[in-house]
């Protein structure tokens, strides 16, 4: 009788274990990968990079500090913000409206 109880106990936890593995591969792992890529993007910033902030402000990086950046928005307008507020680094071709892909357009 003891072996039957152990088998049914494992059988009742098997769906729970499978749900955890599915949850891990669908939710947790991609989030970790995105976080890693974002950290790389922020650490690779350099002066002159065009960026978008999480508030929707477009600007150019003028000065870099360990925790903050100085962003030039206009000729006489500069703001200082935390690195965590950087949403995306823009390539110059994307800023001009040209999207570079591997396709040949005729």
PDB file of N, CA and C in Angstrom:
ATOM      1  N   UNK A   1       0.808  -1.204   0.000  1.00  0.00           N
ATOM      2  CA  UNK A   1       0.000   0.000   0.000  1.00  0.00           C
ATOM      3  C   UNK A   1       0.846   1.260   0.000  1.00  0.00           C
ATOM      4  N   UNK A   2       2.003   1.220   0.639  1.00  0.00           N
ATOM      5  CA  UNK A   2       2.877   2.384   0.730  1.00  0.00           C
ATOM      6  C   UNK A   2       3.358   2.840  -0.634  1.00  0.00           C
ATOM      7  N   UNK A   3       3.627   1.880  -1.531  1.00  0.00           N
ATOM      8  CA  UNK A   3       4.119   2.252  -2.855  1.00  0.00           C
ATOM      9  C   UNK A   3       3.023   2.896  -3.688  1.00  0.00           C
ATOM     10  N   UNK A   4       1.791   2.505  -3.473  1.00  0.00           N
ATOM     11  CA  UNK A   4       0.686   3.119  -4.205  1.00  0.00           C
ATOM     12  C   UNK A   4       0.491   4.569  -3.766  1.00  0.00           C
ATOM     13  N   UNK A   5       0.653   4.838  -2.485  1.00  0.00           N
ATOM     14  CA  UNK A   5       0.502   6.199  -1.992  1.00  0.00           C
ATOM     15  C   UNK A   5       1.609   7.092  -2.549  1.00  0.00           C
ATOM     16  N   UNK A   6       2.831   6.592  -2.596  1.00  0.00           N
ATOM     17  CA  UNK A   6       3.950   7.357  -3.148  1.00  0.00           C
ATOM     18  C   UNK A   6       3.743   7.636  -4.622  1.00  0.00           C
ATOM     19  N   UNK A   7       3.217   6.677  -5.370  1.00  0.00           N
ATOM     20  CA  UNK A   7       2.965   6.864  -6.794  1.00  0.00           C
ATOM     21  C   UNK A   7       1.889   7.889  -7.040  1.00  0.00           C
ATOM     22  N   UNK A   8       0.828   7.843  -6.252  1.00  0.00           N
ATOM     23  CA  UNK A   8      -0.262   8.793  -6.447  1.00  0.00           C
ATOM     24  C   UNK A   8       0.155  10.195  -5.993  1.00  0.00           C
ATOM     25  N   UNK A   9       1.048  10.280  -5.009  1.00  0.00           N
ATOM     26  CA  UNK A   9       1.554  11.575  -4.556  1.00  0.00           C
ATOM     27  C   UNK A   9       2.372  12.227  -5.668  1.00  0.00           C
ATOM     28  N   UNK A  10       3.230  11.437  -6.307  1.00  0.00           N
ATOM     29  CA  UNK A  10       4.021  11.946  -7.432  1.00  0.00           C
ATOM     30  C   UNK A  10       3.106  12.321  -8.592  1.00  0.00           C
ATOM     31  N   UNK A  11       2.103  11.503  -8.828  1.00  0.00           N
ATOM     32  CA  UNK A  11       1.150  11.765  -9.913  1.00  0.00           C
ATOM     33  C   UNK A  11       0.364  13.047  -9.690  1.00  0.00           C
ATOM     34  N   UNK A  12       0.093  13.371  -8.433  1.00  0.00           N
ATOM     35  CA  UNK A  12      -0.656  14.603  -8.168  1.00  0.00           C
ATOM     36  C   UNK A  12       0.229  15.840  -8.292  1.00  0.00           C
ATOM     37  N   UNK A  13       1.539  15.705  -8.080  1.00  0.00           N
ATOM     38  CA  UNK A  13       2.450  16.846  -8.212  1.00  0.00           C
ATOM     39  C   UNK A  13       2.989  17.004  -9.633  1.00  0.00           C
ATOM     40  N   UNK A  14       2.872  15.988 -10.459  1.00  0.00           N
ATOM     41  CA  UNK A  14       3.388  16.043 -11.825  1.00  0.00           C
ATOM     42  C   UNK A  14       2.797  17.201 -12.634  1.00  0.00           C
ATOM     43  N   UNK A  15       1.472  17.418 -12.626  1.00  0.00           N
ATOM     44  CA  UNK A  15       0.942  18.574 -13.381  1.00  0.00           C
ATOM     45  C   UNK A  15       1.477  19.919 -12.858  1.00  0.00           C
ATOM     46  N   UNK A  16       1.662  20.022 -11.555  1.00  0.00           N
ATOM     47  CA  UNK A  16       2.195  21.248 -10.963  1.00  0.00           C
ATOM     48  C   UNK A  16       3.627  21.496 -11.434  1.00  0.00           C
ATOM     49  N   UNK A  17       4.410  20.447 -11.483  1.00  0.00           N
ATOM     50  CA  UNK A  17       5.798  20.546 -11.949  1.00  0.00           C
ATOM     51  C   UNK A  17       5.834  20.933 -13.425  1.00  0.00           C
ATOM     52  N   UNK A  18       4.978  20.336 -14.225  1.00  0.00           N
ATOM     53  CA  UNK A  18       4.922  20.663 -15.656  1.00  0.00           C
ATOM     54  C   UNK A  18       4.502  22.119 -15.875  1.00  0.00           C
ATOM     55  N   UNK A  19       3.542  22.591 -15.088  1.00  0.00           N
ATOM     56  CA  UNK A  19       3.111  23.987 -15.200  1.00  0.00           C
ATOM     57  C   UNK A  19       4.269  24.923 -14.871  1.00  0.00           C
ATOM     58  N   UNK A  20       5.052  24.586 -13.848  1.00  0.00           N
ATOM     59  CA  UNK A  20       6.195  25.422 -13.495  1.00  0.00           C
ATOM     60  C   UNK A  20       7.198  25.493 -14.644  1.00  0.00           C
ATOM     61  N   UNK A  21       7.514  24.350 -15.275  1.00  0.00           N
ATOM     62  CA  UNK A  21       8.473  24.354 -16.380  1.00  0.00           C
ATOM     63  C   UNK A  21       7.953  25.153 -17.574  1.00  0.00           C
ATOM     64  N   UNK A  22       6.687  25.017 -17.894  1.00  0.00           N
ATOM     65  CA  UNK A  22       6.106  25.786 -18.994  1.00  0.00           C
ATOM     66  C   UNK A  22       6.158  27.275 -18.666  1.00  0.00           C
ATOM     67  N   UNK A  23       5.792  27.641 -17.446  1.00  0.00           N
ATOM     68  CA  UNK A  23       5.828  29.037 -17.000  1.00  0.00           C
ATOM     69  C   UNK A  23       7.247  29.589 -17.092  1.00  0.00           C
ATOM     70  N   UNK A  24       8.228  28.787 -16.705  1.00  0.00           N
ATOM     71  CA  UNK A  24       9.623  29.219 -16.746  1.00  0.00           C
ATOM     72  C   UNK A  24      10.053  29.532 -18.179  1.00  0.00           C
ATOM     73  N   UNK A  25       9.756  28.628 -19.114  1.00  0.00           N
ATOM     74  CA  UNK A  25      10.223  28.820 -20.490  1.00  0.00           C
ATOM     75  C   UNK A  25       9.420  29.855 -21.262  1.00  0.00           C
ATOM     76  N   UNK A  26       8.197  30.141 -20.845  1.00  0.00           N
ATOM     77  CA  UNK A  26       7.383  31.116 -21.563  1.00  0.00           C
ATOM     78  C   UNK A  26       7.505  32.518 -20.962  1.00  0.00           C
ATOM     79  N   UNK A  27       7.660  32.627 -19.644  1.00  0.00           N
ATOM     80  CA  UNK A  27       7.644  33.942 -19.000  1.00  0.00           C
ATOM     81  C   UNK A  27       8.999  34.338 -18.419  1.00  0.00           C
ATOM     82  N   UNK A  28       9.549  33.531 -17.546  1.00  0.00           N
ATOM     83  CA  UNK A  28      10.733  33.927 -16.780  1.00  0.00           C
ATOM     84  C   UNK A  28      11.979  34.025 -17.651  1.00  0.00           C
ATOM     85  N   UNK A  29      12.247  33.018 -18.450  1.00  0.00           N
ATOM     86  CA  UNK A  29      13.470  33.006 -19.263  1.00  0.00           C
ATOM     87  C   UNK A  29      13.532  34.161 -20.269  1.00  0.00           C
ATOM     88  N   UNK A  30      12.447  34.452 -21.020  1.00  0.00           N
ATOM     89  CA  UNK A  30      12.513  35.600 -21.938  1.00  0.00           C
ATOM     90  C   UNK A  30      12.702  36.941 -21.212  1.00  0.00           C
ATOM     91  N   UNK A  31      12.104  37.085 -20.018  1.00  0.00           N
ATOM     92  CA  UNK A  31      12.290  38.312 -19.250  1.00  0.00           C
ATOM     93  C   UNK A  31      13.740  38.479 -18.826  1.00  0.00           C
ATOM     94  N   UNK A  32      14.380  37.396 -18.416  1.00  0.00           N
ATOM     95  CA  UNK A  32      15.786  37.462 -18.032  1.00  0.00           C
ATOM     96  C   UNK A  32      16.651  37.846 -19.227  1.00  0.00           C
ATOM     97  N   UNK A  33      16.317  37.309 -20.384  1.00  0.00           N
ATOM     98  CA  UNK A  33      17.079  37.620 -21.597  1.00  0.00           C
ATOM     99  C   UNK A  33      16.921  39.096 -21.974  1.00  0.00           C
ATOM    100  N   UNK A  34      15.690  39.624 -21.890  1.00  0.00           N
ATOM    101  CA  UNK A  34      15.458  41.032 -22.183  1.00  0.00           C
ATOM    102  C   UNK A  34      16.209  41.932 -21.210  1.00  0.00           C
ATOM    103  N   UNK A  35      16.204  41.568 -19.938  1.00  0.00           N
ATOM    104  CA  UNK A  35      16.907  42.347 -18.929  1.00  0.00           C
ATOM    105  C   UNK A  35      18.400  42.399 -19.193  1.00  0.00           C
ATOM    106  N   UNK A  36      18.947  41.274 -19.613  1.00  0.00           N
ATOM    107  CA  UNK A  36      20.374  41.195 -19.925  1.00  0.00           C
ATOM    108  C   UNK A  36      20.717  42.084 -21.126  1.00  0.00           C
ATOM    109  N   UNK A  37      19.874  42.045 -22.166  1.00  0.00           N
ATOM    110  CA  UNK A  37      20.105  42.870 -23.351  1.00  0.00           C
ATOM    111  C   UNK A  37      19.991  44.360 -23.012  1.00  0.00           C
ATOM    112  N   UNK A  38      19.026  44.711 -22.176  1.00  0.00           N
ATOM    113  CA  UNK A  38      18.846  46.115 -21.772  1.00  0.00           C
ATOM    114  C   UNK A  38      20.059  46.613 -20.989  1.00  0.00           C
ATOM    115  N   UNK A  39      20.562  45.769 -20.093  1.00  0.00           N
ATOM    116  CA  UNK A  39      21.735  46.141 -19.298  1.00  0.00           C
ATOM    117  C   UNK A  39      22.945  46.366 -20.211  1.00  0.00           C
ATOM    118  N   UNK A  40      23.096  45.517 -21.220  1.00  0.00           N
ATOM    119  CA  UNK A  40      24.194  45.681 -22.184  1.00  0.00           C
ATOM    120  C   UNK A  40      24.049  46.983 -22.962  1.00  0.00           C
ATOM    121  N   UNK A  41      22.807  47.289 -23.404  1.00  0.00           N
ATOM    122  CA  UNK A  41      22.554  48.499 -24.177  1.00  0.00           C
ATOM    123  C   UNK A  41      22.921  49.736 -23.351  1.00  0.00           C
ATOM    124  N   UNK A  42      22.513  49.771 -22.091  1.00  0.00           N
ATOM    125  CA  UNK A  42      22.779  50.926 -21.239  1.00  0.00           C
ATOM    126  C   UNK A  42      24.264  51.057 -20.935  1.00  0.00           C
ATOM    127  N   UNK A  43      24.952  49.948 -20.737  1.00  0.00           N
ATOM    128  CA  UNK A  43      26.380  50.024 -20.432  1.00  0.00           C
ATOM    129  C   UNK A  43      27.213  50.387 -21.667  1.00  0.00           C
ATOM    130  N   UNK A  44      26.668  50.168 -22.867  1.00  0.00           N
ATOM    131  CA  UNK A  44      27.397  50.465 -24.103  1.00  0.00           C
ATOM    132  C   UNK A  44      27.140  51.880 -24.615  1.00  0.00           C
ATOM    133  N   UNK A  45      26.396  52.689 -23.863  1.00  0.00           N
ATOM    134  CA  UNK A  45      26.131  54.059 -24.298  1.00  0.00           C
ATOM    135  C   UNK A  45      27.421  54.859 -24.415  1.00  0.00           C
ATOM    136  N   UNK A  46      27.442  55.771 -25.383  1.00  0.00           N
ATOM    137  CA  UNK A  46      28.593  56.658 -25.527  1.00  0.00           C
ATOM    138  C   UNK A  46      28.106  58.028 -25.965  1.00  0.00           C
ATOM    139  N   UNK A  47      28.972  59.007 -25.851  1.00  0.00           N
ATOM    140  CA  UNK A  47      28.618  60.373 -26.247  1.00  0.00           C
ATOM    141  C   UNK A  47      28.241  60.394 -27.719  1.00  0.00           C
ATOM    142  N   UNK A  48      27.189  61.138 -28.023  1.00  0.00           N
ATOM    143  CA  UNK A  48      26.741  61.257 -29.407  1.00  0.00           C
ATOM    144  C   UNK A  48      25.639  60.293 -29.783  1.00  0.00           C
ATOM    145  N   UNK A  49      25.325  59.311 -28.934  1.00  0.00           N
ATOM    146  CA  UNK A  49      24.243  58.365 -29.225  1.00  0.00           C
ATOM    147  C   UNK A  49      22.892  59.077 -29.160  1.00  0.00           C
ATOM    148  N   UNK A  50      22.035  58.772 -30.101  1.00  0.00           N
ATOM    149  CA  UNK A  50      20.669  59.277 -30.100  1.00  0.00           C
ATOM    150  C   UNK A  50      19.811  58.280 -29.317  1.00  0.00           C
ATOM    151  N   UNK A  51      19.000  58.771 -28.369  1.00  0.00           N
ATOM    152  CA  UNK A  51      18.197  57.873 -27.552  1.00  0.00           C
ATOM    153  C   UNK A  51      16.767  58.377 -27.419  1.00  0.00           C
ATOM    154  N   UNK A  52      15.894  57.481 -26.957  1.00  0.00           N
ATOM    155  CA  UNK A  52      14.533  57.815 -26.560  1.00  0.00           C
ATOM    156  C   UNK A  52      14.415  57.455 -25.090  1.00  0.00           C
ATOM    157  N   UNK A  53      13.838  58.362 -24.291  1.00  0.00           N
ATOM    158  CA  UNK A  53      13.633  58.069 -22.878  1.00  0.00           C
ATOM    159  C   UNK A  53      12.272  57.399 -22.697  1.00  0.00           C
ATOM    160  N   UNK A  54      12.045  56.857 -21.506  1.00  0.00           N
ATOM    161  CA  UNK A  54      10.762  56.212 -21.231  1.00  0.00           C
ATOM    162  C   UNK A  54       9.625  57.220 -21.209  1.00  0.00           C
ATOM    163  N   UNK A  55       9.940  58.503 -21.086  1.00  0.00           N
ATOM    164  CA  UNK A  55       8.930  59.558 -21.143  1.00  0.00           C
ATOM    165  C   UNK A  55       8.642  60.018 -22.566  1.00  0.00           C
ATOM    166  N   UNK A  56       9.356  59.470 -23.553  1.00  0.00           N
ATOM    167  CA  UNK A  56       9.122  59.817 -24.948  1.00  0.00           C
ATOM    168  C   UNK A  56       9.962  60.975 -25.449  1.00  0.00           C
ATOM    169  N   UNK A  57      11.001  61.341 -24.723  1.00  0.00           N
ATOM    170  CA  UNK A  57      11.863  62.451 -25.124  1.00  0.00           C
ATOM    171  C   UNK A  57      13.007  61.917 -25.985  1.00  0.00           C
ATOM    172  N   UNK A  58      13.202  62.548 -27.143  1.00  0.00           N
ATOM    173  CA  UNK A  58      14.303  62.210 -28.029  1.00  0.00           C
ATOM    174  C   UNK A  58      15.449  63.156 -27.731  1.00  0.00           C
ATOM    175  N   UNK A  59      16.677  62.636 -27.724  1.00  0.00           N
ATOM    176  CA  UNK A  59      17.811  63.504 -27.485  1.00  0.00           C
ATOM    177  C   UNK A  59      19.132  62.819 -27.775  1.00  0.00           C
ATOM    178  N   UNK A  60      20.210  63.585 -27.598  1.00  0.00           N
ATOM    179  CA  UNK A  60      21.551  63.074 -27.845  1.00  0.00           C
ATOM    180  C   UNK A  60      22.332  63.083 -26.535  1.00  0.00           C
ATOM    181  N   UNK A  61      23.065  62.003 -26.274  1.00  0.00           N
ATOM    182  CA  UNK A  61      23.867  61.888 -25.059  1.00  0.00           C
ATOM    183  C   UNK A  61      25.057  62.830 -25.173  1.00  0.00           C
ATOM    184  N   UNK A  62      25.204  63.705 -24.164  1.00  0.00           N
ATOM    185  CA  UNK A  62      26.284  64.685 -24.148  1.00  0.00           C
ATOM    186  C   UNK A  62      27.340  64.310 -23.120  1.00  0.00           C
ATOM    187  N   UNK A  63      26.901  63.805 -21.965  1.00  0.00           N
ATOM    188  CA  UNK A  63      27.825  63.494 -20.884  1.00  0.00           C
ATOM    189  C   UNK A  63      27.347  62.232 -20.173  1.00  0.00           C
ATOM    190  N   UNK A  64      28.288  61.390 -19.786  1.00  0.00           N
ATOM    191  CA  UNK A  64      27.966  60.139 -19.095  1.00  0.00           C
ATOM    192  C   UNK A  64      28.567  60.135 -17.697  1.00  0.00           C
ATOM    193  N   UNK A  65      27.763  59.744 -16.734  1.00  0.00           N
ATOM    194  CA  UNK A  65      28.210  59.533 -15.362  1.00  0.00           C
ATOM    195  C   UNK A  65      27.798  58.114 -14.977  1.00  0.00           C
ATOM    196  N   UNK A  66      28.314  57.580 -13.875  1.00  0.00           N
ATOM    197  CA  UNK A  66      27.984  56.193 -13.516  1.00  0.00           C
ATOM    198  C   UNK A  66      26.485  55.898 -13.401  1.00  0.00           C
ATOM    199  N   UNK A  67      25.718  56.795 -12.812  1.00  0.00           N
ATOM    200  CA  UNK A  67      24.292  56.542 -12.605  1.00  0.00           C
ATOM    201  C   UNK A  67      23.379  57.416 -13.457  1.00  0.00           C
ATOM    202  N   UNK A  68      23.918  58.482 -14.064  1.00  0.00           N
ATOM    203  CA  UNK A  68      23.092  59.416 -14.831  1.00  0.00           C
ATOM    204  C   UNK A  68      23.736  59.731 -16.174  1.00  0.00           C
ATOM    205  N   UNK A  69      22.937  60.344 -17.037  1.00  0.00           N
ATOM    206  CA  UNK A  69      23.441  60.857 -18.317  1.00  0.00           C
ATOM    207  C   UNK A  69      22.931  62.285 -18.486  1.00  0.00           C
ATOM    208  N   UNK A  70      23.641  63.058 -19.285  1.00  0.00           N
ATOM    209  CA  UNK A  70      23.177  64.389 -19.649  1.00  0.00           C
ATOM    210  C   UNK A  70      22.711  64.301 -21.090  1.00  0.00           C
ATOM    211  N   UNK A  71      21.486  64.736 -21.322  1.00  0.00           N
ATOM    212  CA  UNK A  71      20.839  64.587 -22.614  1.00  0.00           C
ATOM    213  C   UNK A  71      20.592  65.958 -23.228  1.00  0.00           C
ATOM    214  N   UNK A  72      21.040  66.146 -24.459  1.00  0.00           N
ATOM    215  CA  UNK A  72      20.803  67.402 -25.180  1.00  0.00           C
ATOM    216  C   UNK A  72      19.521  67.221 -25.986  1.00  0.00           C
ATOM    217  N   UNK A  73      18.517  68.036 -25.639  1.00  0.00           N
ATOM    218  CA  UNK A  73      17.222  67.938 -26.305  1.00  0.00           C
ATOM    219  C   UNK A  73      17.122  68.955 -27.438  1.00  0.00           C
ATOM    220  N   UNK A  74      17.630  70.158 -27.191  1.00  0.00           N
ATOM    221  CA  UNK A  74      17.597  71.241 -28.159  1.00  0.00           C
ATOM    222  C   UNK A  74      18.931  71.985 -28.061  1.00  0.00           C
ATOM    223  N   UNK A  75      19.121  73.024 -28.844  1.00  0.00           N
ATOM    224  CA  UNK A  75      20.384  73.755 -28.842  1.00  0.00           C
ATOM    225  C   UNK A  75      20.792  74.216 -27.443  1.00  0.00           C
ATOM    226  N   UNK A  76      19.876  74.794 -26.691  1.00  0.00           N
ATOM    227  CA  UNK A  76      20.204  75.335 -25.374  1.00  0.00           C
ATOM    228  C   UNK A  76      19.523  74.561 -24.243  1.00  0.00           C
ATOM    229  N   UNK A  77      19.033  73.380 -24.516  1.00  0.00           N
ATOM    230  CA  UNK A  77      18.304  72.617 -23.499  1.00  0.00           C
ATOM    231  C   UNK A  77      18.997  71.288 -23.231  1.00  0.00           C
ATOM    232  N   UNK A  78      19.429  71.125 -22.003  1.00  0.00           N
ATOM    233  CA  UNK A  78      20.048  69.872 -21.578  1.00  0.00           C
ATOM    234  C   UNK A  78      19.390  69.432 -20.281  1.00  0.00           C
ATOM    235  N   UNK A  79      19.156  68.133 -20.167  1.00  0.00           N
ATOM    236  CA  UNK A  79      18.574  67.584 -18.946  1.00  0.00           C
ATOM    237  C   UNK A  79      19.440  66.430 -18.456  1.00  0.00           C
ATOM    238  N   UNK A  80      19.356  66.195 -17.180  1.00  0.00           N
ATOM    239  CA  UNK A  80      20.096  65.088 -16.586  1.00  0.00           C
ATOM    240  C   UNK A  80      19.069  64.069 -16.113  1.00  0.00           C
ATOM    241  N   UNK A  81      19.263  62.808 -16.473  1.00  0.00           N
ATOM    242  CA  UNK A  81      18.328  61.782 -16.052  1.00  0.00           C
ATOM    243  C   UNK A  81      19.057  60.488 -15.740  1.00  0.00           C
ATOM    244  N   UNK A  82      18.395  59.634 -15.003  1.00  0.00           N
ATOM    245  CA  UNK A  82      18.972  58.348 -14.631  1.00  0.00           C
ATOM    246  C   UNK A  82      19.056  57.411 -15.818  1.00  0.00           C
ATOM    247  N   UNK A  83      20.048  56.561 -15.804  1.00  0.00           N
ATOM    248  CA  UNK A  83      20.238  55.617 -16.908  1.00  0.00           C
ATOM    249  C   UNK A  83      19.056  54.656 -17.063  1.00  0.00           C
ATOM    250  N   UNK A  84      18.345  54.412 -15.976  1.00  0.00           N
ATOM    251  CA  UNK A  84      17.232  53.468 -16.042  1.00  0.00           C
ATOM    252  C   UNK A  84      16.055  54.008 -16.857  1.00  0.00           C
ATOM    253  N   UNK A  85      16.058  55.307 -17.164  1.00  0.00           N
ATOM    254  CA  UNK A  85      14.972  55.899 -17.936  1.00  0.00           C
ATOM    255  C   UNK A  85      15.214  55.837 -19.439  1.00  0.00           C
ATOM    256  N   UNK A  86      16.309  55.240 -19.863  1.00  0.00           N
ATOM    257  CA  UNK A  86      16.592  55.104 -21.286  1.00  0.00           C
ATOM    258  C   UNK A  86      15.785  53.927 -21.818  1.00  0.00           C
ATOM    259  N   UNK A  87      15.001  54.200 -22.848  1.00  0.00           N
ATOM    260  CA  UNK A  87      14.159  53.164 -23.426  1.00  0.00           C
ATOM    261  C   UNK A  87      14.841  52.480 -24.599  1.00  0.00           C
ATOM    262  N   UNK A  88      15.456  53.279 -25.463  1.00  0.00           N
ATOM    263  CA  UNK A  88      16.012  52.711 -26.690  1.00  0.00           C
ATOM    264  C   UNK A  88      17.111  53.602 -27.242  1.00  0.00           C
ATOM    265  N   UNK A  89      18.116  52.994 -27.834  1.00  0.00           N
ATOM    266  CA  UNK A  89      19.142  53.715 -28.573  1.00  0.00           C
ATOM    267  C   UNK A  89      18.728  53.676 -30.032  1.00  0.00           C
ATOM    268  N   UNK A  90      18.725  54.843 -30.682  1.00  0.00           N
ATOM    269  CA  UNK A  90      18.256  54.954 -32.066  1.00  0.00           C
ATOM    270  C   UNK A  90      19.452  55.015 -33.006  1.00  0.00           C
ATOM    271  N   UNK A  91      19.406  54.243 -34.049  1.00  0.00           N
ATOM    272  CA  UNK A  91      20.414  54.361 -35.107  1.00  0.00           C
ATOM    273  C   UNK A  91      20.048  55.550 -35.976  1.00  0.00           C
ATOM    274  N   UNK A  92      21.030  56.159 -36.603  1.00  0.00           N
ATOM    275  CA  UNK A  92      20.783  57.331 -37.434  1.00  0.00           C
ATOM    276  C   UNK A  92      19.869  57.011 -38.616  1.00  0.00           C
ATOM    277  N   UNK A  93      19.943  55.798 -39.155  1.00  0.00           N
ATOM    278  CA  UNK A  93      19.084  55.439 -40.288  1.00  0.00           C
ATOM    279  C   UNK A  93      17.625  55.320 -39.852  1.00  0.00           C
ATOM    280  N   UNK A  94      17.378  54.866 -38.638  1.00  0.00           N
ATOM    281  CA  UNK A  94      16.005  54.781 -38.143  1.00  0.00           C
ATOM    282  C   UNK A  94      15.438  56.173 -37.887  1.00  0.00           C
ATOM    283  N   UNK A  95      16.282  57.097 -37.439  1.00  0.00           N
ATOM    284  CA  UNK A  95      15.824  58.454 -37.149  1.00  0.00           C
ATOM    285  C   UNK A  95      15.361  59.147 -38.428  1.00  0.00           C
ATOM    286  N   UNK A  96      15.990  58.856 -39.560  1.00  0.00           N
ATOM    287  CA  UNK A  96      15.637  59.488 -40.820  1.00  0.00           C
ATOM    288  C   UNK A  96      14.467  58.789 -41.493  1.00  0.00           C
ATOM    289  N   UNK A  97      13.952  57.739 -40.876  1.00  0.00           N
ATOM    290  CA  UNK A  97      12.799  57.046 -41.426  1.00  0.00           C
ATOM    291  C   UNK A  97      13.177  55.870 -42.302  1.00  0.00           C
ATOM    292  N   UNK A  98      14.449  55.575 -42.452  1.00  0.00           N
ATOM    293  CA  UNK A  98      14.881  54.440 -43.246  1.00  0.00           C
ATOM    294  C   UNK A  98      15.127  53.261 -42.326  1.00  0.00           C
ATOM    295  N   UNK A  99      14.455  52.186 -42.589  1.00  0.00           N
ATOM    296  CA  UNK A  99      14.662  50.985 -41.785  1.00  0.00           C
ATOM    297  C   UNK A  99      15.537  50.045 -42.589  1.00  0.00           C
ATOM    298  N   UNK A 100      16.655  49.655 -42.028  1.00  0.00           N
ATOM    299  CA  UNK A 100      17.596  48.798 -42.729  1.00  0.00           C
ATOM    300  C   UNK A 100      17.214  47.348 -42.461  1.00  0.00           C
ATOM    301  N   UNK A 101      16.895  46.624 -43.529  1.00  0.00           N
ATOM    302  CA  UNK A 101      16.579  45.202 -43.411  1.00  0.00           C
ATOM    303  C   UNK A 101      17.390  44.445 -44.438  1.00  0.00           C
ATOM    304  N   UNK A 102      17.260  43.151 -44.430  1.00  0.00           N
ATOM    305  CA  UNK A 102      17.991  42.320 -45.379  1.00  0.00           C
ATOM    306  C   UNK A 102      17.287  42.169 -46.704  1.00  0.00           C
ATOM    307  N   UNK A 103      16.182  42.870 -46.915  1.00  0.00           N
ATOM    308  CA  UNK A 103      15.402  42.726 -48.133  1.00  0.00           C
ATOM    309  C   UNK A 103      15.814  43.764 -49.171  1.00  0.00           C
ATOM    310  N   UNK A 104      15.725  43.394 -50.421  1.00  0.00           N
ATOM    311  CA  UNK A 104      16.017  44.322 -51.505  1.00  0.00           C
ATOM    312  C   UNK A 104      14.680  44.894 -51.986  1.00  0.00           C
ATOM    313  N   UNK A 105      14.572  46.203 -51.976  1.00  0.00           N
ATOM    314  CA  UNK A 105      13.324  46.863 -52.393  1.00  0.00           C
ATOM    315  C   UNK A 105      13.491  47.315 -53.827  1.00  0.00           C
ATOM    316  N   UNK A 106      12.535  46.934 -54.682  1.00  0.00           N
ATOM    317  CA  UNK A 106      12.581  47.319 -56.106  1.00  0.00           C
ATOM    318  C   UNK A 106      11.524  48.335 -56.413  1.00  0.00           C
TER     319      UNK A 106
END
